[in-house]
N, C-alpha and C. Protein backbone atom coordinates (compact mmCIF):
# COMPACT_ATOMS: atom_id res chain seq x y z
N UNK A 1 -95.46 -28.66 59.37
CA UNK A 1 -95.79 -29.91 58.98
C UNK A 1 -94.52 -30.02 57.92
N UNK A 2 -93.74 -31.47 57.98
CA UNK A 2 -93.01 -31.88 57.01
C UNK A 2 -93.64 -32.89 56.09
N UNK A 3 -92.82 -32.36 54.84
CA UNK A 3 -93.12 -33.31 53.95
C UNK A 3 -91.84 -33.96 53.54
N UNK A 4 -91.86 -35.05 52.53
CA UNK A 4 -90.91 -35.75 52.07
C UNK A 4 -90.25 -35.20 51.14
N UNK A 5 -88.98 -34.97 51.00
CA UNK A 5 -88.28 -34.51 49.64
C UNK A 5 -88.29 -35.24 48.38
N UNK A 6 -88.35 -34.73 47.57
CA UNK A 6 -88.75 -35.47 46.02
C UNK A 6 -87.27 -35.18 45.28
N UNK A 7 -86.65 -36.21 44.61
CA UNK A 7 -85.79 -36.10 43.71
C UNK A 7 -86.30 -36.25 42.57
N UNK A 8 -86.01 -35.15 41.70
CA UNK A 8 -86.01 -35.31 40.24
C UNK A 8 -85.11 -35.49 39.03
N UNK A 9 -85.48 -36.31 38.20
CA UNK A 9 -84.51 -36.91 37.21
C UNK A 9 -84.83 -36.54 36.01
N UNK A 10 -83.70 -35.92 35.08
CA UNK A 10 -84.02 -35.78 33.70
C UNK A 10 -83.09 -36.63 33.23
N UNK A 11 -83.70 -37.93 32.79
CA UNK A 11 -82.89 -38.70 32.18
C UNK A 11 -82.45 -38.58 30.83
N UNK A 12 -81.12 -38.81 30.61
CA UNK A 12 -80.53 -38.51 29.34
C UNK A 12 -79.17 -39.53 28.88
N UNK A 13 -79.02 -39.52 28.04
CA UNK A 13 -77.71 -40.87 27.31
C UNK A 13 -76.54 -40.24 27.97
N UNK A 14 -75.98 -39.03 28.20
CA UNK A 14 -74.80 -38.86 28.48
C UNK A 14 -75.12 -38.11 30.00
N UNK A 15 -75.94 -37.38 30.26
CA UNK A 15 -75.87 -36.88 31.36
C UNK A 15 -77.42 -37.01 32.16
N UNK A 16 -77.55 -37.12 33.46
CA UNK A 16 -78.61 -37.11 34.33
C UNK A 16 -78.89 -35.73 34.96
N UNK A 17 -79.68 -34.86 34.51
CA UNK A 17 -80.14 -33.48 35.27
C UNK A 17 -80.57 -34.19 36.65
N UNK A 18 -80.63 -33.50 37.67
CA UNK A 18 -80.78 -33.71 39.24
C UNK A 18 -81.29 -32.42 39.62
N UNK A 19 -82.35 -32.61 40.46
CA UNK A 19 -83.16 -31.65 41.25
C UNK A 19 -83.99 -32.27 42.50
N UNK A 20 -83.86 -31.32 43.81
CA UNK A 20 -84.31 -32.08 44.73
C UNK A 20 -85.45 -30.85 45.49
N UNK A 21 -86.61 -31.49 45.80
CA UNK A 21 -87.59 -30.54 46.41
C UNK A 21 -86.91 -29.69 48.03
N UNK A 22 -87.65 -28.87 48.73
CA UNK A 22 -87.25 -28.48 49.79
C UNK A 22 -87.93 -29.30 50.70
N UNK A 23 -87.72 -29.49 52.24
CA UNK A 23 -88.52 -30.36 53.07
C UNK A 23 -90.16 -30.16 53.05
N UNK A 24 -90.33 -29.13 52.57
CA UNK A 24 -91.96 -28.84 52.82
C UNK A 24 -92.49 -29.12 51.29
N UNK A 25 -91.57 -29.56 50.33
CA UNK A 25 -92.12 -29.89 48.93
C UNK A 25 -92.85 -28.64 48.20
N UNK A 26 -92.07 -27.78 48.57
CA UNK A 26 -92.64 -26.27 47.93
C UNK A 26 -91.86 -25.88 46.47
N UNK A 27 -90.43 -25.68 46.84
CA UNK A 27 -89.65 -25.53 46.14
C UNK A 27 -88.48 -26.50 45.22
N UNK A 28 -88.20 -26.34 44.26
CA UNK A 28 -87.18 -27.37 43.44
C UNK A 28 -85.75 -26.49 43.46
N UNK A 29 -84.62 -27.07 43.53
CA UNK A 29 -83.21 -26.66 43.41
C UNK A 29 -82.65 -27.68 42.57
N UNK A 30 -81.82 -27.28 41.69
CA UNK A 30 -80.96 -28.09 41.04
C UNK A 30 -80.16 -28.41 41.87
N UNK A 31 -79.35 -30.05 41.48
CA UNK A 31 -78.34 -30.57 41.86
C UNK A 31 -77.08 -30.55 40.91
N UNK A 32 -75.89 -30.73 41.05
CA UNK A 32 -74.95 -31.23 40.10
C UNK A 32 -75.40 -32.31 39.35
N UNK A 33 -75.10 -31.99 37.94
CA UNK A 33 -75.56 -32.69 36.81
C UNK A 33 -74.66 -34.25 37.18
N UNK A 34 -75.23 -35.34 36.38
CA UNK A 34 -74.25 -36.50 36.83
C UNK A 34 -73.86 -36.82 35.55
N UNK A 35 -72.82 -37.14 35.44
CA UNK A 35 -72.05 -37.50 34.05
C UNK A 35 -72.39 -38.92 33.96
N UNK A 36 -72.99 -39.70 32.99
CA UNK A 36 -73.37 -41.01 33.38
C UNK A 36 -71.95 -42.03 32.95
N UNK A 37 -72.09 -43.04 33.54
CA UNK A 37 -70.90 -43.93 33.66
C UNK A 37 -71.41 -45.27 33.17
N UNK A 38 -72.04 -45.89 33.99
CA UNK A 38 -72.49 -47.11 33.60
C UNK A 38 -73.83 -47.31 34.69
N UNK A 39 -74.72 -48.19 34.46
CA UNK A 39 -76.00 -48.54 35.29
C UNK A 39 -75.47 -48.58 37.12
N UNK A 40 -74.55 -49.06 37.18
CA UNK A 40 -74.21 -49.54 38.68
C UNK A 40 -73.80 -48.41 39.28
N UNK A 41 -72.84 -47.36 38.53
CA UNK A 41 -72.18 -46.30 38.99
C UNK A 41 -73.60 -45.19 39.12
N UNK A 42 -74.33 -45.13 38.05
CA UNK A 42 -75.48 -44.03 38.11
C UNK A 42 -76.50 -44.45 39.30
N UNK A 43 -76.62 -45.84 39.45
CA UNK A 43 -77.39 -46.17 40.63
C UNK A 43 -76.91 -45.84 42.03
N UNK A 44 -75.38 -45.89 42.06
CA UNK A 44 -74.98 -45.85 43.22
C UNK A 44 -75.00 -44.54 43.53
N UNK A 45 -74.79 -43.52 42.81
CA UNK A 45 -74.78 -41.95 42.83
C UNK A 45 -76.34 -41.87 43.16
N UNK A 46 -77.47 -42.13 42.67
CA UNK A 46 -78.95 -41.67 43.04
C UNK A 46 -79.06 -42.48 44.38
N UNK A 47 -78.63 -43.52 44.54
CA UNK A 47 -79.07 -44.19 46.14
C UNK A 47 -78.21 -43.04 47.04
N UNK A 48 -76.96 -42.64 46.95
CA UNK A 48 -76.67 -41.99 47.69
C UNK A 48 -76.97 -40.57 47.87
N UNK A 49 -77.88 -40.03 46.72
CA UNK A 49 -78.44 -38.49 47.05
C UNK A 49 -79.78 -39.02 47.62
N UNK A 50 -80.39 -40.26 47.58
CA UNK A 50 -81.77 -40.63 48.31
C UNK A 50 -81.43 -40.67 49.73
N UNK A 51 -80.49 -41.20 50.18
CA UNK A 51 -79.92 -41.50 51.46
C UNK A 51 -79.35 -40.17 52.42
N UNK A 52 -78.70 -39.48 51.53
CA UNK A 52 -77.92 -38.28 52.00
C UNK A 52 -79.14 -37.16 52.35
N UNK A 53 -80.09 -36.81 51.13
CA UNK A 53 -80.79 -36.17 51.33
C UNK A 53 -82.28 -36.57 51.94
N UNK A 54 -82.51 -37.65 52.27
CA UNK A 54 -83.78 -38.19 53.01
C UNK A 54 -84.81 -38.21 51.79
N UNK A 55 -84.45 -38.58 50.71
CA UNK A 55 -85.90 -38.40 49.66
C UNK A 55 -86.75 -39.73 50.00
N UNK A 56 -87.99 -39.22 49.80
CA UNK A 56 -88.79 -40.14 50.04
C UNK A 56 -89.83 -40.63 48.66
N UNK A 57 -89.29 -40.01 47.46
CA UNK A 57 -90.13 -40.13 46.32
C UNK A 57 -89.36 -39.51 45.05
N UNK A 58 -88.91 -40.42 43.92
CA UNK A 58 -88.22 -39.86 42.95
C UNK A 58 -89.30 -39.91 41.49
N UNK A 59 -89.17 -38.77 40.99
CA UNK A 59 -89.82 -38.20 39.44
C UNK A 59 -88.94 -38.36 38.69
N UNK A 60 -89.15 -39.05 37.39
CA UNK A 60 -88.41 -39.20 36.45
C UNK A 60 -89.09 -38.57 35.23
N UNK A 61 -88.39 -37.81 34.67
CA UNK A 61 -89.26 -37.22 33.25
C UNK A 61 -89.44 -38.18 32.36
N UNK A 62 -90.63 -38.04 31.96
CA UNK A 62 -90.92 -38.73 30.66
C UNK A 62 -91.29 -37.87 29.42
N UNK A 63 -90.20 -38.03 28.74
CA UNK A 63 -90.48 -36.90 27.44
C UNK A 63 -91.35 -37.65 26.33
N UNK A 64 -92.57 -37.47 26.47
CA UNK A 64 -93.52 -37.98 25.52
C UNK A 64 -93.40 -36.70 24.47
N UNK A 65 -94.02 -36.94 22.84
CA UNK A 65 -93.84 -36.15 22.23
C UNK A 65 -94.92 -34.87 22.61
N UNK A 66 -95.09 -33.97 21.54
CA UNK A 66 -95.95 -32.98 21.79
C UNK A 66 -97.27 -33.31 22.01
N UNK A 67 -97.61 -34.29 20.83
CA UNK A 67 -98.96 -34.90 20.39
C UNK A 67 -99.58 -36.33 21.70
N UNK A 68 -98.28 -36.45 22.40
CA UNK A 68 -98.72 -37.27 23.63
C UNK A 68 -98.15 -38.78 23.53
N UNK A 69 -97.85 -39.09 22.40
CA UNK A 69 -97.34 -40.57 22.23
C UNK A 69 -95.76 -40.66 22.57
N UNK A 70 -95.55 -41.88 23.13
CA UNK A 70 -94.07 -42.18 23.68
C UNK A 70 -93.41 -42.70 22.39
N UNK A 71 -92.19 -41.89 22.31
CA UNK A 71 -91.12 -42.28 21.39
C UNK A 71 -90.02 -43.24 22.29
N UNK A 72 -88.77 -43.32 21.28
CA UNK A 72 -87.75 -44.00 21.80
C UNK A 72 -87.21 -43.51 23.20
N UNK A 73 -86.95 -42.19 23.37
CA UNK A 73 -86.41 -41.45 24.55
C UNK A 73 -87.37 -41.73 25.85
N UNK A 74 -88.72 -42.11 25.24
CA UNK A 74 -89.72 -41.91 26.30
C UNK A 74 -89.70 -43.52 27.14
N UNK A 75 -89.53 -44.45 25.97
CA UNK A 75 -89.50 -45.78 26.71
C UNK A 75 -88.28 -46.22 27.46
N UNK A 76 -87.06 -45.35 26.78
CA UNK A 76 -85.84 -45.40 27.40
C UNK A 76 -86.20 -44.90 29.06
N UNK A 77 -86.85 -43.77 29.22
CA UNK A 77 -87.24 -43.37 30.60
C UNK A 77 -88.15 -44.29 31.63
N UNK A 78 -88.85 -44.78 30.74
CA UNK A 78 -89.78 -45.58 31.42
C UNK A 78 -88.90 -47.42 31.93
N UNK A 79 -88.10 -47.53 31.04
CA UNK A 79 -87.33 -48.34 31.35
C UNK A 79 -86.48 -48.09 32.54
N UNK A 80 -85.70 -47.13 32.81
CA UNK A 80 -85.00 -46.54 33.80
C UNK A 80 -85.88 -46.59 35.02
N UNK A 81 -87.01 -45.81 34.86
CA UNK A 81 -87.88 -45.52 36.18
C UNK A 81 -88.35 -47.09 36.51
N UNK A 82 -88.61 -48.00 35.89
CA UNK A 82 -88.77 -49.40 36.07
C UNK A 82 -87.63 -50.10 36.92
N UNK A 83 -86.38 -49.90 36.44
CA UNK A 83 -85.15 -50.32 36.94
C UNK A 83 -85.13 -49.82 38.31
N UNK A 84 -85.54 -48.16 38.58
CA UNK A 84 -85.15 -47.68 39.84
C UNK A 84 -85.92 -48.23 40.72
N UNK A 85 -87.22 -48.51 40.28
CA UNK A 85 -88.40 -49.09 41.51
C UNK A 85 -87.91 -50.23 41.89
N UNK A 86 -87.28 -51.06 41.26
CA UNK A 86 -86.99 -52.63 41.64
C UNK A 86 -85.49 -52.51 42.26
N UNK A 87 -84.85 -51.21 42.02
CA UNK A 87 -83.36 -51.45 43.03
C UNK A 87 -83.49 -50.22 44.34
N UNK A 88 -84.54 -49.59 44.19
CA UNK A 88 -84.32 -48.51 45.32
C UNK A 88 -85.99 -48.81 46.28
N UNK A 89 -85.71 -48.23 47.52
CA UNK A 89 -86.89 -48.61 48.37
C UNK A 89 -87.78 -47.20 48.49
N UNK A 90 -88.11 -46.59 47.41
CA UNK A 90 -88.66 -45.35 47.35
C UNK A 90 -89.94 -45.37 45.96
N UNK A 91 -90.76 -44.86 46.08
CA UNK A 91 -91.62 -44.76 45.15
C UNK A 91 -90.99 -43.92 43.93
N UNK A 92 -91.01 -44.48 42.64
CA UNK A 92 -90.85 -43.79 41.54
C UNK A 92 -91.81 -43.68 40.26
N UNK A 93 -92.03 -42.61 40.00
CA UNK A 93 -92.83 -42.12 38.97
C UNK A 93 -92.63 -41.24 37.82
N UNK A 94 -93.23 -41.68 36.46
CA UNK A 94 -92.82 -40.74 35.65
C UNK A 94 -93.98 -39.65 35.73
N UNK A 95 -93.05 -38.58 35.08
CA UNK A 95 -93.84 -37.20 35.07
C UNK A 95 -93.76 -36.40 33.67
N UNK A 96 -94.65 -36.09 32.64
CA UNK A 96 -94.36 -35.34 31.51
C UNK A 96 -93.36 -34.35 31.83
N UNK A 97 -92.65 -34.53 30.58
CA UNK A 97 -91.41 -33.33 30.87
C UNK A 97 -90.99 -32.58 29.67
N UNK A 98 -92.44 -32.52 28.93
CA UNK A 98 -92.28 -31.55 27.55
C UNK A 98 -92.27 -30.41 27.83
N UNK A 99 -90.98 -29.89 26.97
CA UNK A 99 -90.54 -28.55 26.86
C UNK A 99 -89.41 -28.18 27.98
N UNK A 100 -89.18 -28.95 29.16
CA UNK A 100 -88.39 -28.68 30.23
C UNK A 100 -87.02 -28.26 29.58
N UNK A 101 -86.66 -28.68 28.60
CA UNK A 101 -85.35 -28.62 27.96
C UNK A 101 -85.21 -27.06 27.28
N UNK A 102 -86.34 -26.61 26.61
CA UNK A 102 -86.78 -25.68 25.78
C UNK A 102 -86.75 -24.62 27.16
N UNK A 103 -87.32 -24.66 28.04
CA UNK A 103 -87.37 -24.06 29.10
C UNK A 103 -86.12 -23.65 29.89
N UNK A 104 -85.35 -24.44 29.98
CA UNK A 104 -84.20 -24.41 30.35
C UNK A 104 -83.04 -23.79 29.50
N UNK A 105 -83.20 -23.81 28.48
CA UNK A 105 -82.36 -23.18 27.23
C UNK A 105 -82.70 -21.43 27.21
N UNK A 106 -83.91 -21.29 27.22
CA UNK A 106 -84.71 -20.07 27.44
C UNK A 106 -84.19 -19.31 28.38
N UNK A 107 -84.07 -19.83 29.63
CA UNK A 107 -83.71 -19.09 30.92
C UNK A 107 -82.17 -19.02 31.20
N UNK A 108 -81.41 -19.99 30.40
CA UNK A 108 -79.90 -19.59 30.15
C UNK A 108 -79.88 -18.46 29.23
N UNK A 109 -80.68 -18.43 28.06
CA UNK A 109 -80.37 -17.25 27.30
C UNK A 109 -80.83 -15.78 28.14
N UNK A 110 -81.85 -15.81 28.80
CA UNK A 110 -82.48 -14.73 29.34
C UNK A 110 -81.48 -14.51 30.62
N UNK A 111 -80.52 -15.28 30.82
CA UNK A 111 -79.41 -14.79 32.25
C UNK A 111 -78.09 -14.29 31.00
N UNK A 112 -78.37 -14.35 30.01
CA UNK A 112 -77.17 -13.78 29.02
C UNK A 112 -75.93 -14.97 28.86
N UNK A 113 -76.77 -15.72 28.82
CA UNK A 113 -75.38 -16.84 28.71
C UNK A 113 -75.93 -17.30 27.10
N UNK A 114 -75.20 -17.09 26.21
CA UNK A 114 -75.32 -17.30 24.85
C UNK A 114 -74.74 -18.41 24.46
N UNK A 115 -74.58 -18.62 23.20
CA UNK A 115 -74.03 -19.77 22.73
C UNK A 115 -72.34 -20.30 23.01
N UNK A 116 -72.08 -21.26 23.54
CA UNK A 116 -70.97 -21.45 23.82
C UNK A 116 -69.97 -21.39 22.72
N UNK A 117 -68.49 -21.36 23.18
CA UNK A 117 -67.81 -21.23 21.90
C UNK A 117 -66.70 -22.55 21.82
N UNK A 118 -66.56 -22.99 23.31
CA UNK A 118 -65.45 -23.98 23.41
C UNK A 118 -66.10 -25.29 23.79
N UNK A 119 -65.16 -26.37 23.36
CA UNK A 119 -65.80 -27.56 23.90
C UNK A 119 -66.26 -27.68 25.32
N UNK A 120 -65.51 -27.21 26.19
CA UNK A 120 -65.56 -27.12 27.43
C UNK A 120 -66.77 -26.45 28.01
N UNK A 121 -66.89 -25.09 27.44
CA UNK A 121 -68.17 -24.43 27.53
C UNK A 121 -69.56 -25.01 27.16
N UNK A 122 -69.52 -25.88 26.08
CA UNK A 122 -70.37 -26.65 25.30
C UNK A 122 -70.70 -27.41 26.38
N UNK A 123 -69.96 -28.68 27.11
CA UNK A 123 -70.28 -29.33 28.01
C UNK A 123 -70.95 -28.82 29.28
N UNK A 124 -70.51 -27.56 29.59
CA UNK A 124 -70.80 -26.83 30.93
C UNK A 124 -72.34 -26.38 30.58
N UNK A 125 -72.48 -25.88 29.22
CA UNK A 125 -73.74 -25.53 28.94
C UNK A 125 -75.15 -26.80 28.90
N UNK A 126 -74.19 -27.96 28.57
CA UNK A 126 -74.95 -29.05 28.57
C UNK A 126 -75.47 -29.78 29.93
N UNK A 127 -74.22 -29.40 30.61
CA UNK A 127 -74.65 -29.77 32.18
C UNK A 127 -75.95 -28.88 33.06
N UNK A 128 -75.80 -27.45 32.87
CA UNK A 128 -76.53 -26.46 33.22
C UNK A 128 -78.14 -26.76 32.46
N UNK A 129 -78.20 -27.22 31.40
CA UNK A 129 -79.60 -27.46 30.54
C UNK A 129 -80.24 -28.57 31.62
N UNK A 130 -79.18 -29.61 31.63
CA UNK A 130 -80.01 -30.79 32.33
C UNK A 130 -80.21 -30.64 33.83
N UNK A 131 -79.38 -29.54 34.62
CA UNK A 131 -79.93 -29.25 35.99
C UNK A 131 -81.01 -28.46 35.95
N UNK A 132 -80.87 -27.35 34.92
CA UNK A 132 -82.41 -26.67 35.36
C UNK A 132 -83.50 -27.24 34.48
N UNK A 133 -83.21 -27.97 33.81
CA UNK A 133 -84.61 -29.03 33.08
C UNK A 133 -85.06 -30.05 34.14
N UNK A 134 -84.33 -30.48 35.04
CA UNK A 134 -84.66 -31.12 36.18
C UNK A 134 -85.32 -30.30 37.35
N UNK A 135 -84.96 -29.09 37.33
CA UNK A 135 -85.32 -28.24 38.52
C UNK A 135 -86.90 -27.85 37.92
N UNK A 136 -86.92 -27.45 36.61
CA UNK A 136 -88.38 -27.46 35.97
C UNK A 136 -89.17 -28.17 35.95
N UNK A 137 -88.78 -29.27 35.67
CA UNK A 137 -89.39 -30.54 35.85
C UNK A 137 -90.17 -30.70 37.36
N UNK A 138 -89.02 -30.61 38.17
CA UNK A 138 -89.70 -30.71 39.63
C UNK A 138 -90.62 -29.47 40.01
N UNK A 139 -90.49 -28.69 39.86
CA UNK A 139 -91.13 -27.46 40.38
C UNK A 139 -92.45 -27.44 39.90
N UNK A 140 -92.83 -28.14 38.22
CA UNK A 140 -93.84 -28.26 37.78
C UNK A 140 -94.64 -29.27 38.34
N UNK A 141 -93.96 -30.63 38.84
CA UNK A 141 -94.37 -31.13 39.51
C UNK A 141 -95.10 -30.96 40.68
N UNK A 142 -94.28 -30.09 41.82
CA UNK A 142 -94.85 -29.70 42.88
C UNK A 142 -95.96 -28.54 42.77
N UNK A 143 -95.64 -27.86 41.89
CA UNK A 143 -97.14 -26.97 41.61
C UNK A 143 -98.19 -27.69 41.16
N UNK A 144 -98.22 -28.85 40.51
CA UNK A 144 -99.29 -29.52 40.01
C UNK A 144 -99.89 -30.31 41.46
N UNK A 145 -99.05 -30.55 42.57
CA UNK A 145 -99.47 -31.12 43.41
C UNK A 145 -100.32 -30.42 44.28
N UNK A 146 -99.69 -29.22 44.46
CA UNK A 146 -100.36 -28.24 45.19
C UNK A 146 -101.68 -28.00 44.67
N UNK A 147 -101.84 -27.68 43.61
CA UNK A 147 -103.59 -27.21 42.66
C UNK A 147 -104.14 -28.36 42.81
N UNK A 148 -103.54 -29.79 42.94
CA UNK A 148 -104.38 -30.88 42.96
C UNK A 148 -105.24 -31.22 44.44
N UNK A 149 -106.59 -31.24 44.39
CA UNK A 149 -107.30 -31.40 45.49
C UNK A 149 -106.90 -32.70 46.50
N UNK A 150 -107.02 -32.39 47.74
CA UNK A 150 -106.79 -33.83 48.25
C UNK A 150 -107.46 -35.02 47.83
N UNK A 151 -107.07 -36.40 48.13
CA UNK A 151 -107.89 -37.36 47.85
C UNK A 151 -109.13 -37.33 48.92
N UNK A 152 -110.31 -37.49 48.27
CA UNK A 152 -111.56 -37.61 49.03
C UNK A 152 -111.68 -38.93 50.09
């Protein structure tokens, strides 16, 4: 049974972390991080991914605070998701991304990738954190979908 691929977006000010599900909707894989240019350029890149990967749903990380309220970054993610809904022909939803960046940092540390020393290394680490955070976000979303009972 083929299910739709899902694209996850970890929206940030300078970078957009990206991940995609496999065709069965079971596992998430990180994609190269998008260095933001402008809204039109970001949209064109995301549209190309949607078409090339046959994405049928987009999940945008919603960075609410630990206590559940939406701060400035969460509002920016909401606006971005709304914009994608208007511009693309696929459903777009927000998904709680609390602690995904922390988990991504921990995963990098576990792999032995400590603090970067150079500016280039710092940029590469930021890109890696965004990519891994998007994959963590998507895997959490996929796992929750499997655990959810089907609609009666």
